[in-house]
Amino acid sequence: MEAMVRDGMRWLEGLEDGTVGTGDLYILSQKMDPVLIHLCIKFLRKKYPSIKPEAAAVMARLVDLTSNYPEIVKLMKEAESDPVSEWFSDTYSFPEFYSKPEEMLELIVDKLES
């Protein structure tokens, strides 16, 4: 579980802060569960709506990643209807995790592993 959470945090922070290049994010995504990818991207889209000034950089990185690696878009679409994705969306609200994304990832990974 720890490795999945750690990879998820690195991936999420890489997109959010620009600390990891898109090529490295793609490589990392190949080890991640598609549900985790889907929920991380959904989290970022909710956290950074277009009206926020800092959203431009985050969304630019996300567009760069999904444009250069369309496999990620395919994985996201497949994971959208996964029971774990639906469970998380029905049970939690993304804003409650804005200051504690690691806790969100731990919940998701725990559910994926159960």
PDB file of N, CA and C in Angstrom:
ATOM      1  N   MET A   1       0.822  -1.194   0.000  1.00  0.00           N
ATOM      2  CA  MET A   1       0.000   0.000   0.000  1.00  0.00           C
ATOM      3  C   MET A   1       0.867   1.261   0.000  1.00  0.00           C
ATOM      4  N   GLU A   2       1.930   1.250   0.781  1.00  0.00           N
ATOM      5  CA  GLU A   2       2.780   2.438   0.889  1.00  0.00           C
ATOM      6  C   GLU A   2       3.360   2.860  -0.454  1.00  0.00           C
ATOM      7  N   ALA A   3       3.774   1.886  -1.257  1.00  0.00           N
ATOM      8  CA  ALA A   3       4.367   2.215  -2.561  1.00  0.00           C
ATOM      9  C   ALA A   3       3.336   2.860  -3.477  1.00  0.00           C
ATOM     10  N   MET A   4       2.101   2.358  -3.458  1.00  0.00           N
ATOM     11  CA  MET A   4       1.052   2.930  -4.308  1.00  0.00           C
ATOM     12  C   MET A   4       0.715   4.359  -3.876  1.00  0.00           C
ATOM     13  N   VAL A   5       0.673   4.585  -2.581  1.00  0.00           N
ATOM     14  CA  VAL A   5       0.385   5.930  -2.072  1.00  0.00           C
ATOM     15  C   VAL A   5       1.545   6.860  -2.412  1.00  0.00           C
ATOM     16  N   ARG A   6       2.762   6.386  -2.221  1.00  0.00           N
ATOM     17  CA  ARG A   6       3.944   7.199  -2.523  1.00  0.00           C
ATOM     18  C   ARG A   6       3.985   7.565  -4.009  1.00  0.00           C
ATOM     19  N   ASP A   7       3.743   6.591  -4.884  1.00  0.00           N
ATOM     20  CA  ASP A   7       3.716   6.861  -6.329  1.00  0.00           C
ATOM     21  C   ASP A   7       2.584   7.829  -6.673  1.00  0.00           C
ATOM     22  N   GLY A   8       1.436   7.639  -6.049  1.00  0.00           N
ATOM     23  CA  GLY A   8       0.308   8.533  -6.288  1.00  0.00           C
ATOM     24  C   GLY A   8       0.612   9.959  -5.860  1.00  0.00           C
ATOM     25  N   MET A   9       1.273  10.120  -4.725  1.00  0.00           N
ATOM     26  CA  MET A   9       1.647  11.458  -4.247  1.00  0.00           C
ATOM     27  C   MET A   9       2.660  12.097  -5.181  1.00  0.00           C
ATOM     28  N   ARG A  10       3.628  11.326  -5.613  1.00  0.00           N
ATOM     29  CA  ARG A  10       4.643  11.863  -6.530  1.00  0.00           C
ATOM     30  C   ARG A  10       3.994  12.313  -7.837  1.00  0.00           C
ATOM     31  N   TRP A  11       3.057  11.514  -8.332  1.00  0.00           N
ATOM     32  CA  TRP A  11       2.360  11.819  -9.572  1.00  0.00           C
ATOM     33  C   TRP A  11       1.500  13.069  -9.404  1.00  0.00           C
ATOM     34  N   LEU A  12       0.739  13.097  -8.322  1.00  0.00           N
ATOM     35  CA  LEU A  12      -0.140  14.243  -8.046  1.00  0.00           C
ATOM     36  C   LEU A  12       0.663  15.522  -7.848  1.00  0.00           C
ATOM     37  N   GLU A  13       1.696  15.454  -7.034  1.00  0.00           N
ATOM     38  CA  GLU A  13       2.532  16.638  -6.790  1.00  0.00           C
ATOM     39  C   GLU A  13       3.297  17.056  -8.044  1.00  0.00           C
ATOM     40  N   GLY A  14       3.694  16.072  -8.847  1.00  0.00           N
ATOM     41  CA  GLY A  14       4.395  16.390 -10.091  1.00  0.00           C
ATOM     42  C   GLY A  14       3.533  17.216 -11.021  1.00  0.00           C
ATOM     43  N   LEU A  15       2.263  16.866 -11.120  1.00  0.00           N
ATOM     44  CA  LEU A  15       1.337  17.645 -11.942  1.00  0.00           C
ATOM     45  C   LEU A  15       1.007  18.981 -11.295  1.00  0.00           C
ATOM     46  N   GLU A  16       0.818  18.950 -10.007  1.00  0.00           N
ATOM     47  CA  GLU A  16       0.411  20.163  -9.299  1.00  0.00           C
ATOM     48  C   GLU A  16       1.530  21.199  -9.239  1.00  0.00           C
ATOM     49  N   ASP A  17       2.739  20.755  -8.934  1.00  0.00           N
ATOM     50  CA  ASP A  17       3.856  21.676  -8.720  1.00  0.00           C
ATOM     51  C   ASP A  17       4.819  21.776  -9.899  1.00  0.00           C
ATOM     52  N   GLY A  18       4.685  20.877 -10.856  1.00  0.00           N
ATOM     53  CA  GLY A  18       5.600  20.885 -11.989  1.00  0.00           C
ATOM     54  C   GLY A  18       6.973  20.334 -11.661  1.00  0.00           C
ATOM     55  N   THR A  19       7.055  19.514 -10.615  1.00  0.00           N
ATOM     56  CA  THR A  19       8.347  18.985 -10.174  1.00  0.00           C
ATOM     57  C   THR A  19       8.769  17.712 -10.897  1.00  0.00           C
ATOM     58  N   VAL A  20       7.856  17.146 -11.694  1.00  0.00           N
ATOM     59  CA  VAL A  20       8.156  15.929 -12.447  1.00  0.00           C
ATOM     60  C   VAL A  20       7.732  16.166 -13.886  1.00  0.00           C
ATOM     61  N   GLY A  21       8.614  15.861 -14.823  1.00  0.00           N
ATOM     62  CA  GLY A  21       8.301  16.043 -16.238  1.00  0.00           C
ATOM     63  C   GLY A  21       7.227  15.085 -16.716  1.00  0.00           C
ATOM     64  N   THR A  22       6.573  15.427 -17.808  1.00  0.00           N
ATOM     65  CA  THR A  22       5.478  14.594 -18.297  1.00  0.00           C
ATOM     66  C   THR A  22       5.936  13.197 -18.712  1.00  0.00           C
ATOM     67  N   GLY A  23       7.144  13.084 -19.235  1.00  0.00           N
ATOM     68  CA  GLY A  23       7.657  11.755 -19.589  1.00  0.00           C
ATOM     69  C   GLY A  23       7.791  10.875 -18.357  1.00  0.00           C
ATOM     70  N   ASP A  24       8.307  11.450 -17.281  1.00  0.00           N
ATOM     71  CA  ASP A  24       8.441  10.695 -16.030  1.00  0.00           C
ATOM     72  C   ASP A  24       7.074  10.396 -15.417  1.00  0.00           C
ATOM     73  N   LEU A  25       6.137  11.337 -15.555  1.00  0.00           N
ATOM     74  CA  LEU A  25       4.784  11.089 -15.050  1.00  0.00           C
ATOM     75  C   LEU A  25       4.141   9.936 -15.808  1.00  0.00           C
ATOM     76  N   TYR A  26       4.372   9.881 -17.108  1.00  0.00           N
ATOM     77  CA  TYR A  26       3.827   8.787 -17.899  1.00  0.00           C
ATOM     78  C   TYR A  26       4.413   7.448 -17.449  1.00  0.00           C
ATOM     79  N   ILE A  27       5.719   7.406 -17.276  1.00  0.00           N
ATOM     80  CA  ILE A  27       6.367   6.165 -16.814  1.00  0.00           C
ATOM     81  C   ILE A  27       5.797   5.748 -15.466  1.00  0.00           C
ATOM     82  N   LEU A  28       5.647   6.710 -14.571  1.00  0.00           N
ATOM     83  CA  LEU A  28       5.087   6.430 -13.248  1.00  0.00           C
ATOM     84  C   LEU A  28       3.647   5.947 -13.363  1.00  0.00           C
ATOM     85  N   SER A  29       2.888   6.516 -14.285  1.00  0.00           N
ATOM     86  CA  SER A  29       1.486   6.123 -14.441  1.00  0.00           C
ATOM     87  C   SER A  29       1.335   4.668 -14.874  1.00  0.00           C
ATOM     88  N   GLN A  30       2.349   4.132 -15.521  1.00  0.00           N
ATOM     89  CA  GLN A  30       2.280   2.736 -15.960  1.00  0.00           C
ATOM     90  C   GLN A  30       2.283   1.767 -14.780  1.00  0.00           C
ATOM     91  N   LYS A  31       2.753   2.232 -13.621  1.00  0.00           N
ATOM     92  CA  LYS A  31       2.751   1.396 -12.414  1.00  0.00           C
ATOM     93  C   LYS A  31       1.498   1.617 -11.568  1.00  0.00           C
ATOM     94  N   MET A  32       0.721   2.646 -11.912  1.00  0.00           N
ATOM     95  CA  MET A  32      -0.414   3.032 -11.082  1.00  0.00           C
ATOM     96  C   MET A  32      -1.719   2.397 -11.550  1.00  0.00           C
ATOM     97  N   ASP A  33      -2.616   2.217 -10.617  1.00  0.00           N
ATOM     98  CA  ASP A  33      -3.955   1.729 -10.936  1.00  0.00           C
ATOM     99  C   ASP A  33      -4.702   2.845 -11.689  1.00  0.00           C
ATOM    100  N   PRO A  34      -5.412   2.509 -12.766  1.00  0.00           N
ATOM    101  CA  PRO A  34      -6.145   3.526 -13.516  1.00  0.00           C
ATOM    102  C   PRO A  34      -7.139   4.325 -12.656  1.00  0.00           C
ATOM    103  N   VAL A  35      -7.717   3.697 -11.651  1.00  0.00           N
ATOM    104  CA  VAL A  35      -8.647   4.405 -10.764  1.00  0.00           C
ATOM    105  C   VAL A  35      -7.920   5.529 -10.027  1.00  0.00           C
ATOM    106  N   LEU A  36      -6.716   5.254  -9.598  1.00  0.00           N
ATOM    107  CA  LEU A  36      -5.927   6.267  -8.903  1.00  0.00           C
ATOM    108  C   LEU A  36      -5.618   7.440  -9.841  1.00  0.00           C
ATOM    109  N   ILE A  37      -5.282   7.144 -11.068  1.00  0.00           N
ATOM    110  CA  ILE A  37      -5.012   8.186 -12.063  1.00  0.00           C
ATOM    111  C   ILE A  37      -6.276   9.019 -12.291  1.00  0.00           C
ATOM    112  N   HIS A  38      -7.373   8.342 -12.508  1.00  0.00           N
ATOM    113  CA  HIS A  38      -8.646   9.031 -12.756  1.00  0.00           C
ATOM    114  C   HIS A  38      -9.008   9.967 -11.601  1.00  0.00           C
ATOM    115  N   LEU A  39      -8.920   9.465 -10.368  1.00  0.00           N
ATOM    116  CA  LEU A  39      -9.317  10.278  -9.220  1.00  0.00           C
ATOM    117  C   LEU A  39      -8.322  11.405  -8.938  1.00  0.00           C
ATOM    118  N   CYS A  40      -7.051  11.182  -9.214  1.00  0.00           N
ATOM    119  CA  CYS A  40      -6.061  12.261  -9.050  1.00  0.00           C
ATOM    120  C   CYS A  40      -6.338  13.396 -10.033  1.00  0.00           C
ATOM    121  N   ILE A  41      -6.644  13.060 -11.270  1.00  0.00           N
ATOM    122  CA  ILE A  41      -6.930  14.094 -12.265  1.00  0.00           C
ATOM    123  C   ILE A  41      -8.232  14.814 -11.932  1.00  0.00           C
ATOM    124  N   LYS A  42      -9.211  14.072 -11.490  1.00  0.00           N
ATOM    125  CA  LYS A  42     -10.479  14.683 -11.093  1.00  0.00           C
ATOM    126  C   LYS A  42     -10.252  15.635  -9.901  1.00  0.00           C
ATOM    127  N   PHE A  43      -9.415  15.204  -8.963  1.00  0.00           N
ATOM    128  CA  PHE A  43      -9.054  16.020  -7.801  1.00  0.00           C
ATOM    129  C   PHE A  43      -8.432  17.347  -8.259  1.00  0.00           C
ATOM    130  N   LEU A  44      -7.474  17.268  -9.179  1.00  0.00           N
ATOM    131  CA  LEU A  44      -6.801  18.480  -9.662  1.00  0.00           C
ATOM    132  C   LEU A  44      -7.768  19.401 -10.417  1.00  0.00           C
ATOM    133  N   ARG A  45      -8.657  18.829 -11.186  1.00  0.00           N
ATOM    134  CA  ARG A  45      -9.629  19.646 -11.914  1.00  0.00           C
ATOM    135  C   ARG A  45     -10.571  20.375 -10.964  1.00  0.00           C
ATOM    136  N   LYS A  46     -10.927  19.722  -9.865  1.00  0.00           N
ATOM    137  CA  LYS A  46     -11.800  20.363  -8.864  1.00  0.00           C
ATOM    138  C   LYS A  46     -11.026  21.412  -8.066  1.00  0.00           C
ATOM    139  N   LYS A  47      -9.795  21.102  -7.727  1.00  0.00           N
ATOM    140  CA  LYS A  47      -8.991  22.004  -6.907  1.00  0.00           C
ATOM    141  C   LYS A  47      -8.564  23.252  -7.674  1.00  0.00           C
ATOM    142  N   TYR A  48      -8.383  23.102  -8.980  1.00  0.00           N
ATOM    143  CA  TYR A  48      -7.898  24.208  -9.803  1.00  0.00           C
ATOM    144  C   TYR A  48      -8.888  24.556 -10.913  1.00  0.00           C
ATOM    145  N   PRO A  49     -10.035  25.145 -10.560  1.00  0.00           N
ATOM    146  CA  PRO A  49     -10.960  25.574 -11.616  1.00  0.00           C
ATOM    147  C   PRO A  49     -10.328  26.712 -12.408  1.00  0.00           C
ATOM    148  N   SER A  50     -10.798  26.916 -13.600  1.00  0.00           N
ATOM    149  CA  SER A  50     -10.182  27.898 -14.501  1.00  0.00           C
ATOM    150  C   SER A  50     -10.166  29.320 -13.951  1.00  0.00           C
ATOM    151  N   ILE A  51     -10.991  29.630 -12.986  1.00  0.00           N
ATOM    152  CA  ILE A  51     -11.010  30.993 -12.431  1.00  0.00           C
ATOM    153  C   ILE A  51      -9.826  31.267 -11.502  1.00  0.00           C
ATOM    154  N   LYS A  52      -9.133  30.237 -11.058  1.00  0.00           N
ATOM    155  CA  LYS A  52      -7.968  30.433 -10.195  1.00  0.00           C
ATOM    156  C   LYS A  52      -6.742  30.714 -11.050  1.00  0.00           C
ATOM    157  N   PRO A  53      -5.955  31.732 -10.703  1.00  0.00           N
ATOM    158  CA  PRO A  53      -4.756  32.051 -11.499  1.00  0.00           C
ATOM    159  C   PRO A  53      -3.760  30.897 -11.592  1.00  0.00           C
ATOM    160  N   GLU A  54      -3.611  30.141 -10.525  1.00  0.00           N
ATOM    161  CA  GLU A  54      -2.641  29.036 -10.524  1.00  0.00           C
ATOM    162  C   GLU A  54      -3.116  27.833 -11.336  1.00  0.00           C
ATOM    163  N   ALA A  55      -4.369  27.859 -11.771  1.00  0.00           N
ATOM    164  CA  ALA A  55      -4.913  26.748 -12.543  1.00  0.00           C
ATOM    165  C   ALA A  55      -4.245  26.614 -13.910  1.00  0.00           C
ATOM    166  N   ALA A  56      -3.842  27.717 -14.492  1.00  0.00           N
ATOM    167  CA  ALA A  56      -3.285  27.682 -15.851  1.00  0.00           C
ATOM    168  C   ALA A  56      -2.078  26.756 -15.943  1.00  0.00           C
ATOM    169  N   ALA A  57      -1.162  26.838 -14.997  1.00  0.00           N
ATOM    170  CA  ALA A  57       0.042  26.010 -15.036  1.00  0.00           C
ATOM    171  C   ALA A  57      -0.289  24.536 -14.812  1.00  0.00           C
ATOM    172  N   VAL A  58      -1.166  24.264 -13.855  1.00  0.00           N
ATOM    173  CA  VAL A  58      -1.545  22.871 -13.564  1.00  0.00           C
ATOM    174  C   VAL A  58      -2.246  22.263 -14.772  1.00  0.00           C
ATOM    175  N   MET A  59      -3.197  22.980 -15.333  1.00  0.00           N
ATOM    176  CA  MET A  59      -3.937  22.454 -16.484  1.00  0.00           C
ATOM    177  C   MET A  59      -3.048  22.333 -17.719  1.00  0.00           C
ATOM    178  N   ALA A  60      -2.091  23.226 -17.871  1.00  0.00           N
ATOM    179  CA  ALA A  60      -1.151  23.116 -18.997  1.00  0.00           C
ATOM    180  C   ALA A  60      -0.341  21.825 -18.886  1.00  0.00           C
ATOM    181  N   ARG A  61       0.090  21.503 -17.690  1.00  0.00           N
ATOM    182  CA  ARG A  61       0.841  20.245 -17.497  1.00  0.00           C
ATOM    183  C   ARG A  61      -0.050  19.038 -17.759  1.00  0.00           C
ATOM    184  N   LEU A  62      -1.289  19.120 -17.320  1.00  0.00           N
ATOM    185  CA  LEU A  62      -2.227  18.027 -17.537  1.00  0.00           C
ATOM    186  C   LEU A  62      -2.531  17.847 -19.027  1.00  0.00           C
ATOM    187  N   VAL A  63      -2.725  18.940 -19.727  1.00  0.00           N
ATOM    188  CA  VAL A  63      -2.964  18.878 -21.180  1.00  0.00           C
ATOM    189  C   VAL A  63      -1.734  18.319 -21.888  1.00  0.00           C
ATOM    190  N   ASP A  64      -0.553  18.747 -21.480  1.00  0.00           N
ATOM    191  CA  ASP A  64       0.679  18.241 -22.065  1.00  0.00           C
ATOM    192  C   ASP A  64       0.791  16.727 -21.872  1.00  0.00           C
ATOM    193  N   LEU A  65       0.500  16.279 -20.672  1.00  0.00           N
ATOM    194  CA  LEU A  65       0.579  14.849 -20.366  1.00  0.00           C
ATOM    195  C   LEU A  65      -0.415  14.048 -21.193  1.00  0.00           C
ATOM    196  N   THR A  66      -1.667  14.487 -21.223  1.00  0.00           N
ATOM    197  CA  THR A  66      -2.690  13.713 -21.930  1.00  0.00           C
ATOM    198  C   THR A  66      -2.584  13.836 -23.451  1.00  0.00           C
ATOM    199  N   SER A  67      -2.018  14.932 -23.939  1.00  0.00           N
ATOM    200  CA  SER A  67      -1.820  15.080 -25.389  1.00  0.00           C
ATOM    201  C   SER A  67      -0.691  14.184 -25.877  1.00  0.00           C
ATOM    202  N   ASN A  68       0.376  14.147 -25.105  1.00  0.00           N
ATOM    203  CA  ASN A  68       1.534  13.353 -25.512  1.00  0.00           C
ATOM    204  C   ASN A  68       1.378  11.867 -25.215  1.00  0.00           C
ATOM    205  N   TYR A  69       0.502  11.544 -24.285  1.00  0.00           N
ATOM    206  CA  TYR A  69       0.313  10.143 -23.883  1.00  0.00           C
ATOM    207  C   TYR A  69      -1.182   9.842 -23.825  1.00  0.00           C
ATOM    208  N   PRO A  70      -1.823   9.651 -24.986  1.00  0.00           N
ATOM    209  CA  PRO A  70      -3.273   9.423 -25.026  1.00  0.00           C
ATOM    210  C   PRO A  70      -3.714   8.159 -24.285  1.00  0.00           C
ATOM    211  N   GLU A  71      -2.768   7.275 -23.982  1.00  0.00           N
ATOM    212  CA  GLU A  71      -3.106   6.066 -23.220  1.00  0.00           C
ATOM    213  C   GLU A  71      -3.665   6.438 -21.852  1.00  0.00           C
ATOM    214  N   ILE A  72      -3.206   7.565 -21.315  1.00  0.00           N
ATOM    215  CA  ILE A  72      -3.675   8.010 -20.001  1.00  0.00           C
ATOM    216  C   ILE A  72      -5.156   8.386 -20.080  1.00  0.00           C
ATOM    217  N   VAL A  73      -5.560   9.014 -21.161  1.00  0.00           N
ATOM    218  CA  VAL A  73      -6.966   9.376 -21.345  1.00  0.00           C
ATOM    219  C   VAL A  73      -7.808   8.108 -21.416  1.00  0.00           C
ATOM    220  N   LYS A  74      -7.316   7.117 -22.129  1.00  0.00           N
ATOM    221  CA  LYS A  74      -8.040   5.849 -22.247  1.00  0.00           C
ATOM    222  C   LYS A  74      -8.187   5.195 -20.871  1.00  0.00           C
ATOM    223  N   LEU A  75      -7.114   5.181 -20.090  1.00  0.00           N
ATOM    224  CA  LEU A  75      -7.179   4.602 -18.748  1.00  0.00           C
ATOM    225  C   LEU A  75      -8.178   5.348 -17.871  1.00  0.00           C
ATOM    226  N   MET A  76      -8.168   6.674 -17.970  1.00  0.00           N
ATOM    227  CA  MET A  76      -9.089   7.491 -17.172  1.00  0.00           C
ATOM    228  C   MET A  76     -10.540   7.167 -17.506  1.00  0.00           C
ATOM    229  N   LYS A  77     -10.835   7.053 -18.778  1.00  0.00           N
ATOM    230  CA  LYS A  77     -12.208   6.774 -19.205  1.00  0.00           C
ATOM    231  C   LYS A  77     -12.659   5.396 -18.716  1.00  0.00           C
ATOM    232  N   GLU A  78     -11.767   4.423 -18.778  1.00  0.00           N
ATOM    233  CA  GLU A  78     -12.095   3.088 -18.301  1.00  0.00           C
ATOM    234  C   GLU A  78     -12.336   3.091 -16.794  1.00  0.00           C
ATOM    235  N   ALA A  79     -11.552   3.860 -16.073  1.00  0.00           N
ATOM    236  CA  ALA A  79     -11.636   3.884 -14.610  1.00  0.00           C
ATOM    237  C   ALA A  79     -12.829   4.678 -14.093  1.00  0.00           C
ATOM    238  N   GLU A  80     -13.395   5.507 -14.946  1.00  0.00           N
ATOM    239  CA  GLU A  80     -14.506   6.355 -14.531  1.00  0.00           C
ATOM    240  C   GLU A  80     -15.693   5.547 -14.005  1.00  0.00           C
ATOM    241  N   SER A  81     -15.954   4.405 -14.619  1.00  0.00           N
ATOM    242  CA  SER A  81     -17.094   3.586 -14.200  1.00  0.00           C
ATOM    243  C   SER A  81     -16.702   2.456 -13.247  1.00  0.00           C
ATOM    244  N   ASP A  82     -15.479   2.457 -12.800  1.00  0.00           N
ATOM    245  CA  ASP A  82     -15.035   1.447 -11.840  1.00  0.00           C
ATOM    246  C   ASP A  82     -15.784   1.652 -10.520  1.00  0.00           C
ATOM    247  N   PRO A  83     -16.145   0.568  -9.847  1.00  0.00           N
ATOM    248  CA  PRO A  83     -16.865   0.692  -8.571  1.00  0.00           C
ATOM    249  C   PRO A  83     -16.118   1.519  -7.513  1.00  0.00           C
ATOM    250  N   VAL A  84     -14.802   1.476  -7.511  1.00  0.00           N
ATOM    251  CA  VAL A  84     -14.047   2.253  -6.524  1.00  0.00           C
ATOM    252  C   VAL A  84     -14.146   3.747  -6.839  1.00  0.00           C
ATOM    253  N   SER A  85     -14.098   4.103  -8.105  1.00  0.00           N
ATOM    254  CA  SER A  85     -14.270   5.507  -8.501  1.00  0.00           C
ATOM    255  C   SER A  85     -15.653   6.003  -8.090  1.00  0.00           C
ATOM    256  N   GLU A  86     -16.651   5.194  -8.351  1.00  0.00           N
ATOM    257  CA  GLU A  86     -18.017   5.569  -7.992  1.00  0.00           C
ATOM    258  C   GLU A  86     -18.175   5.659  -6.474  1.00  0.00           C
ATOM    259  N   TRP A  87     -17.602   4.712  -5.747  1.00  0.00           N
ATOM    260  CA  TRP A  87     -17.651   4.736  -4.282  1.00  0.00           C
ATOM    261  C   TRP A  87     -17.041   6.022  -3.741  1.00  0.00           C
ATOM    262  N   PHE A  88     -15.872   6.370  -4.246  1.00  0.00           N
ATOM    263  CA  PHE A  88     -15.210   7.565  -3.729  1.00  0.00           C
ATOM    264  C   PHE A  88     -16.043   8.816  -4.022  1.00  0.00           C
ATOM    265  N   SER A  89     -16.517   8.934  -5.240  1.00  0.00           N
ATOM    266  CA  SER A  89     -17.305  10.110  -5.637  1.00  0.00           C
ATOM    267  C   SER A  89     -18.618  10.214  -4.864  1.00  0.00           C
ATOM    268  N   ASP A  90     -19.210   9.078  -4.528  1.00  0.00           N
ATOM    269  CA  ASP A  90     -20.461   9.075  -3.769  1.00  0.00           C
ATOM    270  C   ASP A  90     -20.251   9.321  -2.276  1.00  0.00           C
ATOM    271  N   THR A  91     -19.074   8.970  -1.773  1.00  0.00           N
ATOM    272  CA  THR A  91     -18.821   9.016  -0.338  1.00  0.00           C
ATOM    273  C   THR A  91     -18.102  10.277   0.111  1.00  0.00           C
ATOM    274  N   TYR A  92     -17.225  10.798  -0.723  1.00  0.00           N
ATOM    275  CA  TYR A  92     -16.377  11.917  -0.320  1.00  0.00           C
ATOM    276  C   TYR A  92     -16.504  13.098  -1.276  1.00  0.00           C
ATOM    277  N   SER A  93     -16.035  14.217  -0.774  1.00  0.00           N
ATOM    278  CA  SER A  93     -15.973  15.439  -1.571  1.00  0.00           C
ATOM    279  C   SER A  93     -14.497  15.823  -1.695  1.00  0.00           C
ATOM    280  N   PHE A  94     -14.051  16.122  -2.896  1.00  0.00           N
ATOM    281  CA  PHE A  94     -12.641  16.450  -3.099  1.00  0.00           C
ATOM    282  C   PHE A  94     -12.139  17.602  -2.231  1.00  0.00           C
ATOM    283  N   PRO A  95     -12.929  18.656  -2.045  1.00  0.00           N
ATOM    284  CA  PRO A  95     -12.419  19.771  -1.233  1.00  0.00           C
ATOM    285  C   PRO A  95     -11.961  19.380   0.174  1.00  0.00           C
ATOM    286  N   GLU A  96     -12.541  18.337   0.732  1.00  0.00           N
ATOM    287  CA  GLU A  96     -12.113  17.941   2.076  1.00  0.00           C
ATOM    288  C   GLU A  96     -10.680  17.399   2.092  1.00  0.00           C
ATOM    289  N   PHE A  97     -10.108  17.130   0.918  1.00  0.00           N
ATOM    290  CA  PHE A  97      -8.748  16.603   0.836  1.00  0.00           C
ATOM    291  C   PHE A  97      -7.740  17.586   0.239  1.00  0.00           C
ATOM    292  N   TYR A  98      -8.166  18.808  -0.042  1.00  0.00           N
ATOM    293  CA  TYR A  98      -7.246  19.778  -0.643  1.00  0.00           C
ATOM    294  C   TYR A  98      -5.990  19.981   0.193  1.00  0.00           C
ATOM    295  N   SER A  99      -6.116  19.964   1.496  1.00  0.00           N
ATOM    296  CA  SER A  99      -4.948  20.166   2.360  1.00  0.00           C
ATOM    297  C   SER A  99      -4.323  18.854   2.820  1.00  0.00           C
ATOM    298  N   LYS A 100      -4.930  17.737   2.453  1.00  0.00           N
ATOM    299  CA  LYS A 100      -4.399  16.433   2.874  1.00  0.00           C
ATOM    300  C   LYS A 100      -4.589  15.371   1.777  1.00  0.00           C
ATOM    301  N   PRO A 101      -3.950  15.584   0.631  1.00  0.00           N
ATOM    302  CA  PRO A 101      -4.131  14.643  -0.489  1.00  0.00           C
ATOM    303  C   PRO A 101      -3.623  13.234  -0.182  1.00  0.00           C
ATOM    304  N   GLU A 102      -2.629  13.134   0.680  1.00  0.00           N
ATOM    305  CA  GLU A 102      -2.114  11.799   1.005  1.00  0.00           C
ATOM    306  C   GLU A 102      -3.189  10.957   1.685  1.00  0.00           C
ATOM    307  N   GLU A 103      -3.995  11.578   2.512  1.00  0.00           N
ATOM    308  CA  GLU A 103      -5.087  10.862   3.170  1.00  0.00           C
ATOM    309  C   GLU A 103      -6.095  10.351   2.135  1.00  0.00           C
ATOM    310  N   MET A 104      -6.364  11.173   1.132  1.00  0.00           N
ATOM    311  CA  MET A 104      -7.262  10.759   0.060  1.00  0.00           C
ATOM    312  C   MET A 104      -6.690   9.532  -0.660  1.00  0.00           C
ATOM    313  N   LEU A 105      -5.413   9.596  -0.994  1.00  0.00           N
ATOM    314  CA  LEU A 105      -4.781   8.476  -1.696  1.00  0.00           C
ATOM    315  C   LEU A 105      -4.784   7.217  -0.850  1.00  0.00           C
ATOM    316  N   GLU A 106      -4.557   7.356   0.444  1.00  0.00           N
ATOM    317  CA  GLU A 106      -4.590   6.195   1.341  1.00  0.00           C
ATOM    318  C   GLU A 106      -5.971   5.542   1.340  1.00  0.00           C
ATOM    319  N   LEU A 107      -7.026   6.344   1.379  1.00  0.00           N
ATOM    320  CA  LEU A 107      -8.394   5.802   1.334  1.00  0.00           C
ATOM    321  C   LEU A 107      -8.639   5.048   0.036  1.00  0.00           C
ATOM    322  N   ILE A 108      -8.223   5.647  -1.074  1.00  0.00           N
ATOM    323  CA  ILE A 108      -8.438   5.028  -2.385  1.00  0.00           C
ATOM    324  C   ILE A 108      -7.648   3.725  -2.502  1.00  0.00           C
ATOM    325  N   VAL A 109      -6.390   3.766  -2.134  1.00  0.00           N
ATOM    326  CA  VAL A 109      -5.544   2.564  -2.243  1.00  0.00           C
ATOM    327  C   VAL A 109      -6.061   1.466  -1.322  1.00  0.00           C
ATOM    328  N   ASP A 110      -6.477   1.837  -0.127  1.00  0.00           N
ATOM    329  CA  ASP A 110      -7.025   0.847   0.809  1.00  0.00           C
ATOM    330  C   ASP A 110      -8.255   0.176   0.191  1.00  0.00           C
ATOM    331  N   LYS A 111      -9.114   0.950  -0.433  1.00  0.00           N
ATOM    332  CA  LYS A 111     -10.312   0.396  -1.068  1.00  0.00           C
ATOM    333  C   LYS A 111      -9.935  -0.468  -2.281  1.00  0.00           C
ATOM    334  N   LEU A 112      -8.953  -0.043  -3.051  1.00  0.00           N
ATOM    335  CA  LEU A 112      -8.512  -0.837  -4.202  1.00  0.00           C
ATOM    336  C   LEU A 112      -7.964  -2.191  -3.767  1.00  0.00           C
ATOM    337  N   GLU A 113      -7.283  -2.193  -2.636  1.00  0.00           N
ATOM    338  CA  GLU A 113      -6.644  -3.426  -2.173  1.00  0.00           C
ATOM    339  C   GLU A 113      -7.605  -4.343  -1.414  1.00  0.00           C
ATOM    340  N   SER A 114      -8.777  -3.832  -1.048  1.00  0.00           N
ATOM    341  CA  SER A 114      -9.718  -4.683  -0.283  1.00  0.00           C
ATOM    342  C   SER A 114     -10.677  -5.429  -1.179  1.00  0.00           C
TER     343      SER A 114
END
